[in-house]
N, C-alpha and C. Protein backbone atom coordinates (compact mmCIF):
# COMPACT_ATOMS: atom_id res chain seq x y z
N UNK A 1 94.07 178.08 271.71
CA UNK A 1 92.80 177.44 271.96
C UNK A 1 91.69 178.32 271.39
N UNK A 2 90.76 177.69 270.74
CA UNK A 2 89.67 178.38 270.08
C UNK A 2 88.51 178.60 271.06
N UNK A 3 87.95 179.82 271.08
CA UNK A 3 86.78 180.10 271.91
C UNK A 3 85.53 179.59 271.21
N UNK A 4 84.74 178.84 271.95
CA UNK A 4 83.51 178.30 271.41
C UNK A 4 82.35 179.06 272.04
N UNK A 5 81.49 179.59 271.21
CA UNK A 5 80.33 180.33 271.70
C UNK A 5 79.27 179.32 272.17
N UNK A 6 78.86 179.46 273.41
CA UNK A 6 77.84 178.60 273.98
C UNK A 6 76.56 179.41 274.10
N UNK A 7 75.47 178.91 273.53
CA UNK A 7 74.23 179.67 273.64
C UNK A 7 73.76 179.75 275.09
N UNK A 8 73.24 180.89 275.48
CA UNK A 8 72.82 181.10 276.87
C UNK A 8 71.39 180.68 277.12
N UNK A 9 70.56 180.60 276.10
CA UNK A 9 69.15 180.35 276.32
C UNK A 9 68.87 179.01 277.01
N UNK A 10 69.63 177.91 276.77
CA UNK A 10 69.31 176.67 277.50
C UNK A 10 69.56 176.81 279.00
N UNK A 11 70.59 177.54 279.36
CA UNK A 11 70.91 177.74 280.77
C UNK A 11 69.82 178.56 281.43
N UNK A 12 69.41 179.64 280.77
CA UNK A 12 68.35 180.48 281.32
C UNK A 12 67.04 179.72 281.44
N UNK A 13 66.74 178.86 280.46
CA UNK A 13 65.53 178.07 280.50
C UNK A 13 65.55 177.10 281.68
N UNK A 14 66.68 176.46 281.91
CA UNK A 14 66.81 175.54 283.04
C UNK A 14 66.68 176.28 284.37
N UNK A 15 67.28 177.44 284.48
CA UNK A 15 67.17 178.22 285.71
C UNK A 15 65.74 178.65 285.96
N UNK A 16 65.06 179.09 284.94
CA UNK A 16 63.66 179.52 285.10
C UNK A 16 62.78 178.34 285.51
N UNK A 17 63.01 177.18 284.93
CA UNK A 17 62.22 176.01 285.27
C UNK A 17 62.50 175.55 286.70
N UNK A 18 63.74 175.66 287.14
CA UNK A 18 64.10 175.22 288.48
C UNK A 18 63.52 176.12 289.55
N UNK A 19 63.34 177.37 289.22
CA UNK A 19 62.83 178.32 290.22
C UNK A 19 61.36 178.09 290.53
N UNK A 20 60.57 177.85 289.52
CA UNK A 20 59.14 177.64 289.74
C UNK A 20 58.47 178.88 290.28
N UNK A 21 57.22 178.73 290.60
CA UNK A 21 56.46 179.86 291.15
C UNK A 21 56.68 179.92 292.66
N UNK A 22 57.01 181.08 293.18
CA UNK A 22 57.22 181.18 294.62
C UNK A 22 55.92 181.06 295.37
N UNK A 23 56.01 180.52 296.59
CA UNK A 23 54.83 180.43 297.42
C UNK A 23 54.48 181.81 297.94
N UNK A 24 53.20 182.10 297.98
CA UNK A 24 52.75 183.35 298.57
C UNK A 24 52.82 183.20 300.08
N UNK A 25 53.28 184.23 300.79
CA UNK A 25 53.30 184.14 302.24
C UNK A 25 51.89 183.94 302.77
N UNK A 26 51.74 183.00 303.65
CA UNK A 26 50.44 182.73 304.24
C UNK A 26 50.35 183.37 305.60
N UNK A 27 49.13 183.61 306.03
CA UNK A 27 48.92 184.11 307.37
C UNK A 27 49.29 182.99 308.32
N UNK A 28 50.15 183.28 309.26
CA UNK A 28 50.62 182.26 310.18
C UNK A 28 49.76 182.29 311.43
N UNK A 29 49.09 181.19 311.69
CA UNK A 29 48.27 181.05 312.88
C UNK A 29 48.88 179.99 313.76
N UNK A 30 48.83 180.16 315.07
CA UNK A 30 49.38 179.13 315.95
C UNK A 30 48.57 177.85 315.82
N UNK A 31 49.25 176.70 315.81
CA UNK A 31 48.52 175.45 315.65
C UNK A 31 47.63 175.17 316.85
N UNK A 32 46.49 174.58 316.58
CA UNK A 32 45.59 174.16 317.65
C UNK A 32 45.45 172.66 317.56
N UNK A 33 44.73 172.10 318.50
CA UNK A 33 44.59 170.65 318.52
C UNK A 33 43.87 170.14 317.27
N UNK A 34 42.97 170.96 316.69
CA UNK A 34 42.21 170.50 315.54
C UNK A 34 42.89 170.84 314.20
N UNK A 35 43.88 171.68 314.21
CA UNK A 35 44.55 172.09 312.97
C UNK A 35 45.83 171.30 312.77
N UNK A 36 46.13 171.05 311.53
CA UNK A 36 47.37 170.38 311.17
C UNK A 36 48.46 171.44 311.04
N UNK A 37 49.63 171.17 311.55
CA UNK A 37 50.72 172.15 311.52
C UNK A 37 51.16 172.46 310.08
N UNK A 38 50.87 171.56 309.15
CA UNK A 38 51.24 171.78 307.74
C UNK A 38 50.24 172.68 307.01
N UNK A 39 49.17 173.09 307.68
CA UNK A 39 48.18 173.96 307.04
C UNK A 39 48.71 175.36 306.76
N UNK A 40 49.75 175.76 307.44
CA UNK A 40 50.30 177.11 307.23
C UNK A 40 51.81 177.03 307.06
N UNK A 41 52.34 178.08 306.43
CA UNK A 41 53.78 178.14 306.18
C UNK A 41 54.53 178.30 307.51
N UNK A 42 55.64 177.67 307.62
CA UNK A 42 56.47 177.72 308.82
C UNK A 42 57.03 179.13 309.04
N UNK A 43 57.21 179.48 310.29
CA UNK A 43 57.82 180.77 310.64
C UNK A 43 59.32 180.63 310.87
N UNK A 44 59.86 179.44 310.73
CA UNK A 44 61.29 179.21 310.91
C UNK A 44 62.07 179.84 309.76
N UNK A 45 63.37 180.06 309.94
CA UNK A 45 64.18 180.60 308.82
C UNK A 45 64.05 179.72 307.58
N UNK A 46 63.93 180.37 306.44
CA UNK A 46 63.77 179.70 305.14
C UNK A 46 62.51 178.84 305.08
N UNK A 47 61.56 179.09 305.99
CA UNK A 47 60.30 178.34 306.07
C UNK A 47 60.56 176.84 306.26
N UNK A 48 61.64 176.53 306.98
CA UNK A 48 61.98 175.13 307.26
C UNK A 48 60.85 174.49 308.05
N UNK A 49 60.55 173.24 307.78
CA UNK A 49 59.47 172.56 308.51
C UNK A 49 59.82 172.39 309.99
N UNK A 50 58.84 172.53 310.86
CA UNK A 50 59.08 172.31 312.29
C UNK A 50 59.01 170.82 312.63
N UNK A 51 60.04 170.09 312.26
CA UNK A 51 60.03 168.64 312.43
C UNK A 51 59.81 168.22 313.87
N UNK A 52 60.19 169.07 314.83
CA UNK A 52 60.00 168.71 316.23
C UNK A 52 58.52 168.70 316.62
N UNK A 53 57.66 169.35 315.84
CA UNK A 53 56.23 169.40 316.14
C UNK A 53 55.41 168.49 315.22
N UNK A 54 56.00 167.99 314.17
CA UNK A 54 55.28 167.15 313.21
C UNK A 54 55.19 165.70 313.68
N UNK A 55 54.04 165.11 313.42
CA UNK A 55 53.82 163.70 313.72
C UNK A 55 53.60 162.97 312.39
N UNK A 56 53.81 161.67 312.38
CA UNK A 56 53.61 160.88 311.17
C UNK A 56 52.17 161.01 310.66
N UNK A 57 51.24 161.24 311.56
CA UNK A 57 49.82 161.33 311.18
C UNK A 57 49.45 162.69 310.60
N UNK A 58 50.35 163.64 310.54
CA UNK A 58 50.06 164.98 310.02
C UNK A 58 50.13 165.05 308.49
N UNK A 59 50.94 164.22 307.87
CA UNK A 59 51.22 164.36 306.45
C UNK A 59 50.06 164.00 305.54
N UNK A 60 49.50 162.83 305.73
CA UNK A 60 48.45 162.35 304.82
C UNK A 60 47.24 163.28 304.79
N UNK A 61 46.69 163.72 305.96
CA UNK A 61 45.55 164.64 305.89
C UNK A 61 45.91 165.97 305.22
N UNK A 62 47.11 166.47 305.44
CA UNK A 62 47.52 167.74 304.83
C UNK A 62 47.64 167.60 303.32
N UNK A 63 48.19 166.49 302.85
CA UNK A 63 48.35 166.28 301.41
C UNK A 63 46.98 166.07 300.75
N UNK A 64 46.11 165.30 301.37
CA UNK A 64 44.78 165.07 300.81
C UNK A 64 43.96 166.36 300.80
N UNK A 65 44.08 167.18 301.85
CA UNK A 65 43.39 168.48 301.87
C UNK A 65 43.96 169.40 300.79
N UNK A 66 45.26 169.35 300.58
CA UNK A 66 45.89 170.15 299.54
C UNK A 66 45.43 169.73 298.15
N UNK A 67 45.26 168.41 297.94
CA UNK A 67 44.75 167.91 296.66
C UNK A 67 43.34 168.44 296.41
N UNK A 68 42.50 168.36 297.43
CA UNK A 68 41.11 168.81 297.29
C UNK A 68 41.06 170.31 297.01
N UNK A 69 41.88 171.07 297.71
CA UNK A 69 41.89 172.53 297.50
C UNK A 69 42.38 172.87 296.10
N UNK A 70 43.41 172.19 295.62
CA UNK A 70 43.90 172.48 294.28
C UNK A 70 42.85 172.13 293.22
N UNK A 71 42.13 171.04 293.41
CA UNK A 71 41.07 170.70 292.47
C UNK A 71 40.00 171.80 292.44
N UNK A 72 39.66 172.36 293.60
CA UNK A 72 38.71 173.47 293.66
C UNK A 72 39.25 174.68 292.92
N UNK A 73 40.53 174.98 293.11
CA UNK A 73 41.15 176.13 292.45
C UNK A 73 41.16 175.95 290.93
N UNK A 74 41.49 174.75 290.47
CA UNK A 74 41.52 174.48 289.03
C UNK A 74 40.10 174.53 288.46
N UNK A 75 39.13 174.00 289.20
CA UNK A 75 37.74 174.04 288.75
C UNK A 75 37.27 175.49 288.61
N UNK A 76 37.65 176.34 289.55
CA UNK A 76 37.27 177.76 289.48
C UNK A 76 37.89 178.43 288.26
N UNK A 77 39.13 178.08 287.95
CA UNK A 77 39.79 178.63 286.76
C UNK A 77 39.07 178.16 285.49
N UNK A 78 38.74 176.88 285.43
CA UNK A 78 38.09 176.31 284.25
C UNK A 78 36.68 176.87 284.04
N UNK A 79 35.99 177.16 285.13
CA UNK A 79 34.61 177.63 285.03
C UNK A 79 34.50 179.15 284.98
N UNK A 80 35.61 179.84 284.99
CA UNK A 80 35.59 181.30 284.95
C UNK A 80 34.92 181.79 283.67
N UNK A 81 34.13 182.84 283.81
CA UNK A 81 33.46 183.41 282.64
C UNK A 81 34.26 184.56 282.02
N UNK A 82 35.39 184.90 282.63
CA UNK A 82 36.25 185.95 282.09
C UNK A 82 36.86 185.49 280.76
N UNK A 83 37.21 186.45 279.94
CA UNK A 83 37.93 186.14 278.71
C UNK A 83 39.28 185.53 279.09
N UNK A 84 39.60 184.36 278.54
CA UNK A 84 40.87 183.72 278.91
C UNK A 84 42.08 184.57 278.51
N UNK A 85 42.98 184.74 279.46
CA UNK A 85 44.25 185.42 279.22
C UNK A 85 45.35 184.56 279.82
N UNK A 86 46.56 184.91 279.54
CA UNK A 86 47.69 184.19 280.13
C UNK A 86 47.65 184.31 281.66
N UNK A 87 47.32 185.49 282.14
CA UNK A 87 47.30 185.73 283.59
C UNK A 87 46.21 184.94 284.30
N UNK A 88 45.00 184.90 283.71
CA UNK A 88 43.92 184.22 284.45
C UNK A 88 43.79 182.74 284.12
N UNK A 89 44.67 182.20 283.29
CA UNK A 89 44.68 180.76 283.05
C UNK A 89 46.02 180.15 283.46
N UNK A 90 47.04 180.41 282.69
CA UNK A 90 48.35 179.78 282.94
C UNK A 90 48.93 180.22 284.28
N UNK A 91 48.97 181.53 284.53
CA UNK A 91 49.53 182.01 285.81
C UNK A 91 48.68 181.55 286.99
N UNK A 92 47.38 181.55 286.82
CA UNK A 92 46.50 181.07 287.89
C UNK A 92 46.74 179.59 288.19
N UNK A 93 46.96 178.80 287.14
CA UNK A 93 47.26 177.38 287.34
C UNK A 93 48.59 177.20 288.07
N UNK A 94 49.57 178.03 287.74
CA UNK A 94 50.87 177.96 288.40
C UNK A 94 50.76 178.30 289.89
N UNK A 95 49.84 179.20 290.24
CA UNK A 95 49.67 179.60 291.64
C UNK A 95 48.82 178.61 292.42
N UNK A 96 48.11 177.74 291.75
CA UNK A 96 47.23 176.81 292.45
C UNK A 96 48.04 175.73 293.17
N UNK A 97 47.45 175.21 294.22
CA UNK A 97 48.04 174.06 294.91
C UNK A 97 49.22 174.33 295.82
N UNK A 98 49.35 175.54 296.33
CA UNK A 98 50.49 175.85 297.19
C UNK A 98 50.52 175.01 298.46
N UNK A 99 49.37 174.73 299.04
CA UNK A 99 49.31 173.91 300.26
C UNK A 99 49.76 172.48 299.96
N UNK A 100 49.32 171.97 298.81
CA UNK A 100 49.72 170.62 298.38
C UNK A 100 51.22 170.56 298.13
N UNK A 101 51.74 171.55 297.46
CA UNK A 101 53.18 171.59 297.16
C UNK A 101 53.99 171.61 298.45
N UNK A 102 53.60 172.47 299.39
CA UNK A 102 54.34 172.58 300.65
C UNK A 102 54.34 171.25 301.40
N UNK A 103 53.16 170.65 301.59
CA UNK A 103 53.06 169.40 302.36
C UNK A 103 53.74 168.24 301.65
N UNK A 104 53.56 168.13 300.34
CA UNK A 104 54.14 166.98 299.62
C UNK A 104 55.65 167.09 299.51
N UNK A 105 56.18 168.29 299.38
CA UNK A 105 57.65 168.43 299.35
C UNK A 105 58.26 167.94 300.65
N UNK A 106 57.67 168.32 301.76
CA UNK A 106 58.18 167.89 303.07
C UNK A 106 58.05 166.38 303.20
N UNK A 107 56.87 165.85 302.89
CA UNK A 107 56.60 164.42 303.05
C UNK A 107 57.50 163.55 302.18
N UNK A 108 57.56 163.85 300.88
CA UNK A 108 58.32 162.98 299.99
C UNK A 108 59.84 163.12 300.20
N UNK A 109 60.31 164.28 300.61
CA UNK A 109 61.72 164.40 300.97
C UNK A 109 62.02 163.60 302.23
N UNK A 110 61.10 163.65 303.20
CA UNK A 110 61.29 162.91 304.44
C UNK A 110 61.28 161.40 304.18
N UNK A 111 60.35 160.93 303.35
CA UNK A 111 60.28 159.49 303.10
C UNK A 111 61.46 159.00 302.26
N UNK A 112 62.18 159.92 301.66
CA UNK A 112 63.38 159.52 300.91
C UNK A 112 64.62 159.52 301.78
N UNK A 113 64.54 160.16 302.94
CA UNK A 113 65.75 160.31 303.74
C UNK A 113 65.65 159.70 305.15
N UNK A 114 64.49 159.77 305.77
CA UNK A 114 64.35 159.32 307.15
C UNK A 114 62.94 158.79 307.32
N UNK A 115 62.73 157.55 306.95
CA UNK A 115 61.37 157.02 306.87
C UNK A 115 61.12 155.94 307.91
N UNK A 116 59.89 155.50 307.97
CA UNK A 116 59.50 154.38 308.84
C UNK A 116 58.31 153.67 308.19
N UNK A 117 57.82 152.61 308.81
CA UNK A 117 56.75 151.82 308.22
C UNK A 117 55.46 152.63 308.05
N UNK A 118 55.15 153.48 309.01
CA UNK A 118 53.95 154.30 308.94
C UNK A 118 54.00 155.27 307.75
N UNK A 119 55.13 155.93 307.59
CA UNK A 119 55.29 156.87 306.47
C UNK A 119 55.29 156.13 305.13
N UNK A 120 55.89 154.96 305.08
CA UNK A 120 55.90 154.18 303.85
C UNK A 120 54.49 153.72 303.47
N UNK A 121 53.67 153.39 304.48
CA UNK A 121 52.29 153.00 304.19
C UNK A 121 51.52 154.18 303.61
N UNK A 122 51.71 155.37 304.19
CA UNK A 122 51.06 156.57 303.65
C UNK A 122 51.57 156.89 302.25
N UNK A 123 52.86 156.70 302.03
CA UNK A 123 53.43 156.96 300.71
C UNK A 123 52.82 156.03 299.67
N UNK A 124 52.60 154.78 300.02
CA UNK A 124 52.01 153.82 299.09
C UNK A 124 50.59 154.24 298.69
N UNK A 125 49.88 154.90 299.60
CA UNK A 125 48.52 155.37 299.31
C UNK A 125 48.55 156.69 298.54
N UNK A 126 49.45 157.60 298.92
CA UNK A 126 49.47 158.94 298.34
C UNK A 126 50.16 159.03 296.97
N UNK A 127 51.20 158.25 296.76
CA UNK A 127 51.99 158.38 295.53
C UNK A 127 51.15 158.18 294.26
N UNK A 128 50.27 157.19 294.20
CA UNK A 128 49.47 157.03 292.98
C UNK A 128 48.48 158.18 292.73
N UNK A 129 48.10 158.87 293.80
CA UNK A 129 47.12 159.95 293.66
C UNK A 129 47.74 161.11 292.96
C-alpha cells in the first residue's frame, strides 16, 4: 500500500477557526431583581448556563443589550485615532460582542433543542437582527 502525504494546513486551519476567540473571564456578581442572569458569565463548571434560574423572558433583553454593546465597541474601534494595527482593529473586533455571543449561544441552542411558543416568538424577532 502506498503512503499518501496529506497536507496538514487545512486541518490546522479548521481547528483554528473552530476555536474562535476565548471569552474573557467576567467579574461574577450575584444576580439581583433588576439584573439579567445572562449579564455575567456562569460560575458553574465549564461556564454552563444556570438553566434552573433562567426564565424565557431573560434571553431577548440580554441579546438586545449584547447587540447594543457590540455596536458601541465596534464604533469605538472605527473612530479610534490610533494608527491602525492588526491588534487594535482585527483582534479588537474579534474580542467585541462577548456578552452577545454568550447569550445568543445559549438561546439559539435552547431553541433548537427544547423550545416553546414564547421562545419561538423571541427567535422570530431576534434571528433577523
